[in-house]
Amino acid sequence: MAGQQQTPYPLRLAPELRETLEAIAKEKGRSLNAEITLRLEESLKVQVNAQADSDLIKLIGAEIRQIVREELSLAKRVG
């Protein structure tokens, strides 16, 4: 988002959560906004990666089912 004007967004946080995030941000040398933004971006990456993994698992499952069907068909013809 470099170079783009960001629209402010008021965010209500529980005081304990804000204090925790502020402490982590300070420890990491980031602003509270940068810490929240980073955490949101990372959570979205995890979600996208999980969906990609799920799609890959479905594809592999379909390939395995096809191989098993072919092997069973071949075994019936030979046996």
C-alpha atoms as a PDB file:
ATOM      1  CA  MET A   1       0.000   0.000   0.000  1.00  0.00           C
ATOM      2  CA  ALA A   2       2.973   2.277  -0.261  1.00  0.00           C
ATOM      3  CA  GLY A   3       2.127   5.601  -1.808  1.00  0.00           C
ATOM      4  CA  GLN A   4      -1.619   5.232  -1.321  1.00  0.00           C
ATOM      5  CA  GLN A   5      -3.591   7.478   0.996  1.00  0.00           C
ATOM      6  CA  GLN A   6      -5.102   5.334   3.743  1.00  0.00           C
ATOM      7  CA  THR A   7      -8.532   6.108   5.099  1.00  0.00           C
ATOM      8  CA  PRO A   8      -8.585   6.273   8.908  1.00  0.00           C
ATOM      9  CA  TYR A   9     -10.740   3.631  10.538  1.00  0.00           C
ATOM     10  CA  PRO A  10     -11.750   3.990  14.172  1.00  0.00           C
ATOM     11  CA  LEU A  11     -11.290   0.630  15.859  1.00  0.00           C
ATOM     12  CA  ARG A  12     -12.730  -0.254  19.232  1.00  0.00           C
ATOM     13  CA  LEU A  13     -10.547  -2.621  21.210  1.00  0.00           C
ATOM     14  CA  ALA A  14     -10.918  -4.022  24.678  1.00  0.00           C
ATOM     15  CA  PRO A  15      -8.421  -2.178  26.895  1.00  0.00           C
ATOM     16  CA  GLU A  16      -6.518  -5.393  27.699  1.00  0.00           C
ATOM     17  CA  LEU A  17      -6.166  -6.256  24.013  1.00  0.00           C
ATOM     18  CA  ARG A  18      -4.984  -2.752  23.177  1.00  0.00           C
ATOM     19  CA  GLU A  19      -2.414  -2.854  25.980  1.00  0.00           C
ATOM     20  CA  THR A  20      -1.140  -6.232  24.802  1.00  0.00           C
ATOM     21  CA  LEU A  21      -0.871  -5.079  21.188  1.00  0.00           C
ATOM     22  CA  GLU A  22       0.820  -1.837  22.226  1.00  0.00           C
ATOM     23  CA  ALA A  23       3.391  -3.753  24.295  1.00  0.00           C
ATOM     24  CA  ILE A  24       4.136  -6.134  21.422  1.00  0.00           C
ATOM     25  CA  ALA A  25       4.347  -3.260  18.938  1.00  0.00           C
ATOM     26  CA  LYS A  26       6.756  -1.370  21.208  1.00  0.00           C
ATOM     27  CA  GLU A  27       8.890  -4.493  21.661  1.00  0.00           C
ATOM     28  CA  LYS A  28       9.055  -4.941  17.873  1.00  0.00           C
ATOM     29  CA  GLY A  29       9.666  -1.247  17.175  1.00  0.00           C
ATOM     30  CA  ARG A  30       6.367  -0.757  15.375  1.00  0.00           C
ATOM     31  CA  SER A  31       3.406   1.539  15.824  1.00  0.00           C
ATOM     32  CA  LEU A  32       0.134   0.115  17.078  1.00  0.00           C
ATOM     33  CA  ASN A  33      -1.336   0.626  13.608  1.00  0.00           C
ATOM     34  CA  ALA A  34       1.575  -1.215  11.969  1.00  0.00           C
ATOM     35  CA  GLU A  35       1.212  -4.107  14.418  1.00  0.00           C
ATOM     36  CA  ILE A  36      -2.533  -4.457  13.830  1.00  0.00           C
ATOM     37  CA  THR A  37      -2.081  -4.172  10.053  1.00  0.00           C
ATOM     38  CA  LEU A  38       0.680  -6.794  10.022  1.00  0.00           C
ATOM     39  CA  ARG A  39      -1.393  -9.208  12.075  1.00  0.00           C
ATOM     40  CA  LEU A  40      -4.433  -8.775   9.838  1.00  0.00           C
ATOM     41  CA  GLU A  41      -2.350  -9.301   6.695  1.00  0.00           C
ATOM     42  CA  GLU A  42      -0.757 -12.438   8.165  1.00  0.00           C
ATOM     43  CA  SER A  43      -4.142 -13.864   9.132  1.00  0.00           C
ATOM     44  CA  LEU A  44      -5.390 -13.351   5.574  1.00  0.00           C
ATOM     45  CA  LYS A  45      -2.310 -15.090   4.160  1.00  0.00           C
ATOM     46  CA  VAL A  46      -2.998 -18.068   6.408  1.00  0.00           C
ATOM     47  CA  GLN A  47      -6.599 -18.171   5.189  1.00  0.00           C
ATOM     48  CA  VAL A  48      -5.540 -17.986   1.527  1.00  0.00           C
ATOM     49  CA  ASN A  49      -2.889 -20.676   2.060  1.00  0.00           C
ATOM     50  CA  ALA A  50      -5.395 -22.910   3.830  1.00  0.00           C
ATOM     51  CA  GLN A  51      -7.793 -22.603   0.892  1.00  0.00           C
ATOM     52  CA  ALA A  52      -4.998 -23.397  -1.573  1.00  0.00           C
ATOM     53  CA  ASP A  53      -4.021 -26.427   0.522  1.00  0.00           C
ATOM     54  CA  SER A  54      -7.648 -27.562   0.631  1.00  0.00           C
ATOM     55  CA  ASP A  55      -7.947 -27.240  -3.136  1.00  0.00           C
ATOM     56  CA  LEU A  56      -4.725 -29.208  -3.629  1.00  0.00           C
ATOM     57  CA  ILE A  57      -5.898 -31.955  -1.274  1.00  0.00           C
ATOM     58  CA  LYS A  58      -9.167 -32.248  -3.226  1.00  0.00           C
ATOM     59  CA  LEU A  59      -7.244 -32.489  -6.503  1.00  0.00           C
ATOM     60  CA  ILE A  60      -4.888 -35.153  -5.147  1.00  0.00           C
ATOM     61  CA  GLY A  61      -7.869 -37.068  -3.733  1.00  0.00           C
ATOM     62  CA  ALA A  62      -9.560 -37.043  -7.134  1.00  0.00           C
ATOM     63  CA  GLU A  63      -6.359 -38.284  -8.792  1.00  0.00           C
ATOM     64  CA  ILE A  64      -6.001 -41.090  -6.242  1.00  0.00           C
ATOM     65  CA  ARG A  65      -9.628 -42.155  -6.715  1.00  0.00           C
ATOM     66  CA  GLN A  66      -9.096 -42.282 -10.482  1.00  0.00           C
ATOM     67  CA  ILE A  67      -5.945 -44.402 -10.102  1.00  0.00           C
ATOM     68  CA  VAL A  68      -7.738 -46.790  -7.730  1.00  0.00           C
ATOM     69  CA  ARG A  69     -10.667 -47.128 -10.179  1.00  0.00           C
ATOM     70  CA  GLU A  70      -8.260 -47.888 -13.017  1.00  0.00           C
ATOM     71  CA  GLU A  71      -6.353 -50.432 -10.929  1.00  0.00           C
ATOM     72  CA  LEU A  72      -9.570 -52.158  -9.818  1.00  0.00           C
ATOM     73  CA  SER A  73     -10.802 -52.294 -13.387  1.00  0.00           C
ATOM     74  CA  LEU A  74      -7.506 -53.739 -14.542  1.00  0.00           C
ATOM     75  CA  ALA A  75      -7.520 -56.306 -11.721  1.00  0.00           C
ATOM     76  CA  LYS A  76     -11.047 -57.453 -12.696  1.00  0.00           C
ATOM     77  CA  ARG A  77      -9.976 -57.938 -16.307  1.00  0.00           C
ATOM     78  CA  VAL A  78      -6.789 -59.835 -15.386  1.00  0.00           C
ATOM     79  CA  GLY A  79      -8.160 -61.847 -12.433  1.00  0.00           C
END
